[in-house]
Amino acid sequence: LAPSASKDKPQQGEVVAVGAGKLDDKGKPIPTGIKPGMKVLFGKYSGTEVKVNGEDMLVLREDDVIAIVEKA
């Protein structure tokens, strides 16, 4: 499908925290390109919703990030 034919538009959010990232086959960390403060696009149904100190947050995997809109 062409991007304009999609009904599910990507969502945008600001990264507030980043974990250690994935591990390779030998157990070494693979550095992530995502940093706190970045604004990113992600799929509408990506991630897991959680509440942190009464605030709604979304936990995403780096693979769920479609694009970096603005760097920190």
C-alpha atoms as a PDB file:
ATOM      1  CA  LEU A   1       0.000   0.000   0.000  1.00  0.00           C
ATOM      2  CA  ALA A   2       1.065   3.531  -0.602  1.00  0.00           C
ATOM      3  CA  PRO A   3       1.724   5.524   2.576  1.00  0.00           C
ATOM      4  CA  SER A   4      -1.249   7.786   1.854  1.00  0.00           C
ATOM      5  CA  ALA A   5      -3.552   4.747   1.722  1.00  0.00           C
ATOM      6  CA  SER A   6      -2.778   3.770   5.314  1.00  0.00           C
ATOM      7  CA  LYS A   7      -5.484   4.589   7.874  1.00  0.00           C
ATOM      8  CA  ASP A   8      -3.112   4.188  10.848  1.00  0.00           C
ATOM      9  CA  LYS A   9      -0.908   7.254  10.983  1.00  0.00           C
ATOM     10  CA  PRO A  10       2.284   7.089  13.072  1.00  0.00           C
ATOM     11  CA  GLN A  11       2.300   8.634  16.519  1.00  0.00           C
ATOM     12  CA  GLN A  12       4.909  11.088  17.831  1.00  0.00           C
ATOM     13  CA  GLY A  13       6.455  11.279  21.269  1.00  0.00           C
ATOM     14  CA  GLU A  14       9.462  12.515  23.208  1.00  0.00           C
ATOM     15  CA  VAL A  15      11.959  10.020  24.601  1.00  0.00           C
ATOM     16  CA  VAL A  16      12.307  10.420  28.378  1.00  0.00           C
ATOM     17  CA  ALA A  17      14.589   7.455  29.128  1.00  0.00           C
ATOM     18  CA  VAL A  18      16.578   4.787  27.282  1.00  0.00           C
ATOM     19  CA  GLY A  19      17.623   1.357  28.501  1.00  0.00           C
ATOM     20  CA  ALA A  20      20.922  -0.424  27.913  1.00  0.00           C
ATOM     21  CA  GLY A  21      19.775  -1.771  24.540  1.00  0.00           C
ATOM     22  CA  LYS A  22      19.956  -5.208  22.956  1.00  0.00           C
ATOM     23  CA  LEU A  23      22.683  -7.760  23.381  1.00  0.00           C
ATOM     24  CA  ASP A  24      24.413  -9.447  20.455  1.00  0.00           C
ATOM     25  CA  ASP A  25      24.934 -13.221  20.181  1.00  0.00           C
ATOM     26  CA  LYS A  26      27.996 -13.012  22.435  1.00  0.00           C
ATOM     27  CA  GLY A  27      26.213 -10.988  25.136  1.00  0.00           C
ATOM     28  CA  LYS A  28      27.836  -7.661  24.279  1.00  0.00           C
ATOM     29  CA  PRO A  29      25.567  -4.583  24.298  1.00  0.00           C
ATOM     30  CA  ILE A  30      24.631  -3.081  20.934  1.00  0.00           C
ATOM     31  CA  PRO A  31      24.614   0.741  21.298  1.00  0.00           C
ATOM     32  CA  THR A  32      21.290   2.427  20.581  1.00  0.00           C
ATOM     33  CA  GLY A  33      20.902   5.521  18.403  1.00  0.00           C
ATOM     34  CA  ILE A  34      17.997   6.789  20.502  1.00  0.00           C
ATOM     35  CA  LYS A  35      18.695   9.335  23.264  1.00  0.00           C
ATOM     36  CA  PRO A  36      16.501  11.081  25.871  1.00  0.00           C
ATOM     37  CA  GLY A  37      15.024  14.322  24.546  1.00  0.00           C
ATOM     38  CA  MET A  38      14.642  13.083  20.955  1.00  0.00           C
ATOM     39  CA  LYS A  39      11.243  13.305  19.287  1.00  0.00           C
ATOM     40  CA  VAL A  40      10.390  10.090  17.454  1.00  0.00           C
ATOM     41  CA  LEU A  41       7.632   8.564  15.327  1.00  0.00           C
ATOM     42  CA  PHE A  42       6.289   5.107  16.148  1.00  0.00           C
ATOM     43  CA  GLY A  43       3.435   2.894  14.986  1.00  0.00           C
ATOM     44  CA  LYS A  44      -0.025   3.524  16.435  1.00  0.00           C
ATOM     45  CA  TYR A  45      -0.213   0.104  18.111  1.00  0.00           C
ATOM     46  CA  SER A  46       3.466  -0.126  19.180  1.00  0.00           C
ATOM     47  CA  GLY A  47       4.713  -0.533  22.699  1.00  0.00           C
ATOM     48  CA  THR A  48       3.129  -1.119  26.083  1.00  0.00           C
ATOM     49  CA  GLU A  49       1.250   1.555  28.011  1.00  0.00           C
ATOM     50  CA  VAL A  50       2.253   2.030  31.672  1.00  0.00           C
ATOM     51  CA  LYS A  51       1.637   4.600  34.413  1.00  0.00           C
ATOM     52  CA  VAL A  52       4.695   6.117  36.102  1.00  0.00           C
ATOM     53  CA  ASN A  53       4.030   8.438  39.046  1.00  0.00           C
ATOM     54  CA  GLY A  54       0.473   8.919  37.744  1.00  0.00           C
ATOM     55  CA  GLU A  55       1.642   9.874  34.251  1.00  0.00           C
ATOM     56  CA  ASP A  56       0.829   7.759  31.168  1.00  0.00           C
ATOM     57  CA  MET A  57       3.962   6.507  29.415  1.00  0.00           C
ATOM     58  CA  LEU A  58       4.655   4.150  26.531  1.00  0.00           C
ATOM     59  CA  VAL A  59       7.464   1.595  26.633  1.00  0.00           C
ATOM     60  CA  LEU A  60       8.849   0.917  23.138  1.00  0.00           C
ATOM     61  CA  ARG A  61      11.563  -1.253  21.683  1.00  0.00           C
ATOM     62  CA  GLU A  62      14.041   0.552  19.456  1.00  0.00           C
ATOM     63  CA  ASP A  63      12.712  -1.517  16.541  1.00  0.00           C
ATOM     64  CA  ASP A  64       9.294   0.142  17.040  1.00  0.00           C
ATOM     65  CA  VAL A  65      10.738   3.598  16.287  1.00  0.00           C
ATOM     66  CA  ILE A  66       9.981   4.530  12.675  1.00  0.00           C
ATOM     67  CA  ALA A  67      11.943   7.775  12.519  1.00  0.00           C
ATOM     68  CA  ILE A  68      13.725  10.430  14.558  1.00  0.00           C
ATOM     69  CA  VAL A  69      11.888  13.724  13.977  1.00  0.00           C
ATOM     70  CA  GLU A  70      14.080  15.967  16.107  1.00  0.00           C
ATOM     71  CA  LYS A  71      17.387  15.278  17.806  1.00  0.00           C
ATOM     72  CA  ALA A  72      17.973  16.290  21.422  1.00  0.00           C
END
